């Protein structure tokens, strides 16, 4: 996959997430402390959040650049 395809896939994933879950994802991904953010991601994962959403959170936690992109897309989705 090239960069535009990856971006489009991410946008589709974010768009498919219900608004309340997007708001919760944004809250979790913008927690400043790494350990607290990881703990919250674990809590969400254990709560039965959709597997795709949980995987996106985990991947974003492991890759700061991806986290920044996802946060930006979540913010866009809230405004739009």
C-alpha atoms as a PDB file:
ATOM      1  CA  UNK A   1       0.000   0.000   0.000  1.00  0.00           C
ATOM      2  CA  UNK A   2       1.226   3.493  -0.745  1.00  0.00           C
ATOM      3  CA  UNK A   3       0.739   6.514   1.515  1.00  0.00           C
ATOM      4  CA  UNK A   4      -2.514   7.790  -0.054  1.00  0.00           C
ATOM      5  CA  UNK A   5      -4.038   4.304   0.255  1.00  0.00           C
ATOM      6  CA  UNK A   6      -2.980   4.076   3.912  1.00  0.00           C
ATOM      7  CA  UNK A   7      -4.461   7.508   4.603  1.00  0.00           C
ATOM      8  CA  UNK A   8      -7.732   6.551   2.898  1.00  0.00           C
ATOM      9  CA  UNK A   9      -7.917   3.302   4.886  1.00  0.00           C
ATOM     10  CA  UNK A  10      -7.357   5.194   8.146  1.00  0.00           C
ATOM     11  CA  UNK A  11     -10.024   7.745   7.235  1.00  0.00           C
ATOM     12  CA  UNK A  12     -12.489   4.934   6.513  1.00  0.00           C
ATOM     13  CA  UNK A  13     -11.673   3.241   9.827  1.00  0.00           C
ATOM     14  CA  UNK A  14     -12.138   6.475  11.764  1.00  0.00           C
ATOM     15  CA  UNK A  15     -15.394   7.270   9.926  1.00  0.00           C
ATOM     16  CA  UNK A  16     -16.790   3.823  10.778  1.00  0.00           C
ATOM     17  CA  UNK A  17     -16.287   4.352  14.514  1.00  0.00           C
ATOM     18  CA  UNK A  18     -19.384   5.696  16.296  1.00  0.00           C
ATOM     19  CA  UNK A  19     -19.031   9.291  17.536  1.00  0.00           C
ATOM     20  CA  UNK A  20     -18.957   8.409  21.273  1.00  0.00           C
ATOM     21  CA  UNK A  21     -16.181   5.864  20.687  1.00  0.00           C
ATOM     22  CA  UNK A  22     -14.235   8.400  18.588  1.00  0.00           C
ATOM     23  CA  UNK A  23     -14.468  10.905  21.439  1.00  0.00           C
ATOM     24  CA  UNK A  24     -13.184   8.281  23.889  1.00  0.00           C
ATOM     25  CA  UNK A  25     -10.352   7.325  21.536  1.00  0.00           C
ATOM     26  CA  UNK A  26      -9.351  10.971  21.224  1.00  0.00           C
ATOM     27  CA  UNK A  27      -9.388  11.376  24.991  1.00  0.00           C
ATOM     28  CA  UNK A  28      -7.210   8.301  25.463  1.00  0.00           C
ATOM     29  CA  UNK A  29      -4.748   9.063  22.661  1.00  0.00           C
ATOM     30  CA  UNK A  30      -4.150  12.574  23.987  1.00  0.00           C
ATOM     31  CA  UNK A  31      -3.309  11.502  27.545  1.00  0.00           C
ATOM     32  CA  UNK A  32       0.203  12.845  28.147  1.00  0.00           C
ATOM     33  CA  UNK A  33       1.643  10.074  30.306  1.00  0.00           C
ATOM     34  CA  UNK A  34       2.738   6.983  28.367  1.00  0.00           C
ATOM     35  CA  UNK A  35       1.924   4.556  31.173  1.00  0.00           C
ATOM     36  CA  UNK A  36      -1.498   6.069  31.855  1.00  0.00           C
ATOM     37  CA  UNK A  37      -2.304   6.114  28.124  1.00  0.00           C
ATOM     38  CA  UNK A  38      -1.272   2.446  27.836  1.00  0.00           C
ATOM     39  CA  UNK A  39      -3.383   1.586  30.905  1.00  0.00           C
ATOM     40  CA  UNK A  40      -6.446   3.314  29.397  1.00  0.00           C
ATOM     41  CA  UNK A  41      -5.922   1.515  26.081  1.00  0.00           C
ATOM     42  CA  UNK A  42      -5.780  -1.770  27.984  1.00  0.00           C
ATOM     43  CA  UNK A  43      -8.980  -0.846  29.826  1.00  0.00           C
ATOM     44  CA  UNK A  44     -10.772  -0.083  26.565  1.00  0.00           C
ATOM     45  CA  UNK A  45      -9.464  -3.254  24.966  1.00  0.00           C
ATOM     46  CA  UNK A  46     -10.773  -5.267  27.915  1.00  0.00           C
ATOM     47  CA  UNK A  47     -14.143  -3.503  27.794  1.00  0.00           C
ATOM     48  CA  UNK A  48     -15.058  -5.226  24.553  1.00  0.00           C
ATOM     49  CA  UNK A  49     -14.414  -2.297  22.237  1.00  0.00           C
ATOM     50  CA  UNK A  50     -14.553  -3.357  18.584  1.00  0.00           C
ATOM     51  CA  UNK A  51     -11.416  -5.345  17.665  1.00  0.00           C
ATOM     52  CA  UNK A  52     -10.507  -3.004  14.803  1.00  0.00           C
ATOM     53  CA  UNK A  53     -10.753  -0.006  17.107  1.00  0.00           C
ATOM     54  CA  UNK A  54      -8.675  -1.737  19.776  1.00  0.00           C
ATOM     55  CA  UNK A  55      -6.011  -2.662  17.224  1.00  0.00           C
ATOM     56  CA  UNK A  56      -5.889   0.914  15.944  1.00  0.00           C
ATOM     57  CA  UNK A  57      -5.410   2.182  19.503  1.00  0.00           C
ATOM     58  CA  UNK A  58      -2.625  -0.324  20.148  1.00  0.00           C
ATOM     59  CA  UNK A  59      -0.887   0.463  16.854  1.00  0.00           C
ATOM     60  CA  UNK A  60      -1.175   4.202  17.539  1.00  0.00           C
ATOM     61  CA  UNK A  61       0.345   3.716  20.985  1.00  0.00           C
ATOM     62  CA  UNK A  62       3.320   1.888  19.468  1.00  0.00           C
ATOM     63  CA  UNK A  63       3.934   4.474  16.722  1.00  0.00           C
ATOM     64  CA  UNK A  64       3.946   8.174  17.717  1.00  0.00           C
ATOM     65  CA  UNK A  65       3.614   9.313  14.091  1.00  0.00           C
ATOM     66  CA  UNK A  66       0.553   7.135  13.578  1.00  0.00           C
ATOM     67  CA  UNK A  67      -0.868   8.390  16.884  1.00  0.00           C
ATOM     68  CA  UNK A  68      -0.490  11.984  15.666  1.00  0.00           C
ATOM     69  CA  UNK A  69      -2.244  11.186  12.381  1.00  0.00           C
ATOM     70  CA  UNK A  70      -5.098   9.352  14.098  1.00  0.00           C
ATOM     71  CA  UNK A  71      -5.538  12.180  16.630  1.00  0.00           C
ATOM     72  CA  UNK A  72      -5.733  14.639  13.734  1.00  0.00           C
ATOM     73  CA  UNK A  73      -8.329  12.522  11.947  1.00  0.00           C
ATOM     74  CA  UNK A  74     -10.381  12.110  15.118  1.00  0.00           C
ATOM     75  CA  UNK A  75     -10.332  15.887  15.644  1.00  0.00           C
ATOM     76  CA  UNK A  76     -11.416  16.424  12.039  1.00  0.00           C
ATOM     77  CA  UNK A  77     -14.265  13.945  12.505  1.00  0.00           C
ATOM     78  CA  UNK A  78     -15.457  15.834  15.600  1.00  0.00           C
ATOM     79  CA  UNK A  79     -15.528  19.123  13.705  1.00  0.00           C
ATOM     80  CA  UNK A  80     -17.136  17.689  10.602  1.00  0.00           C
END
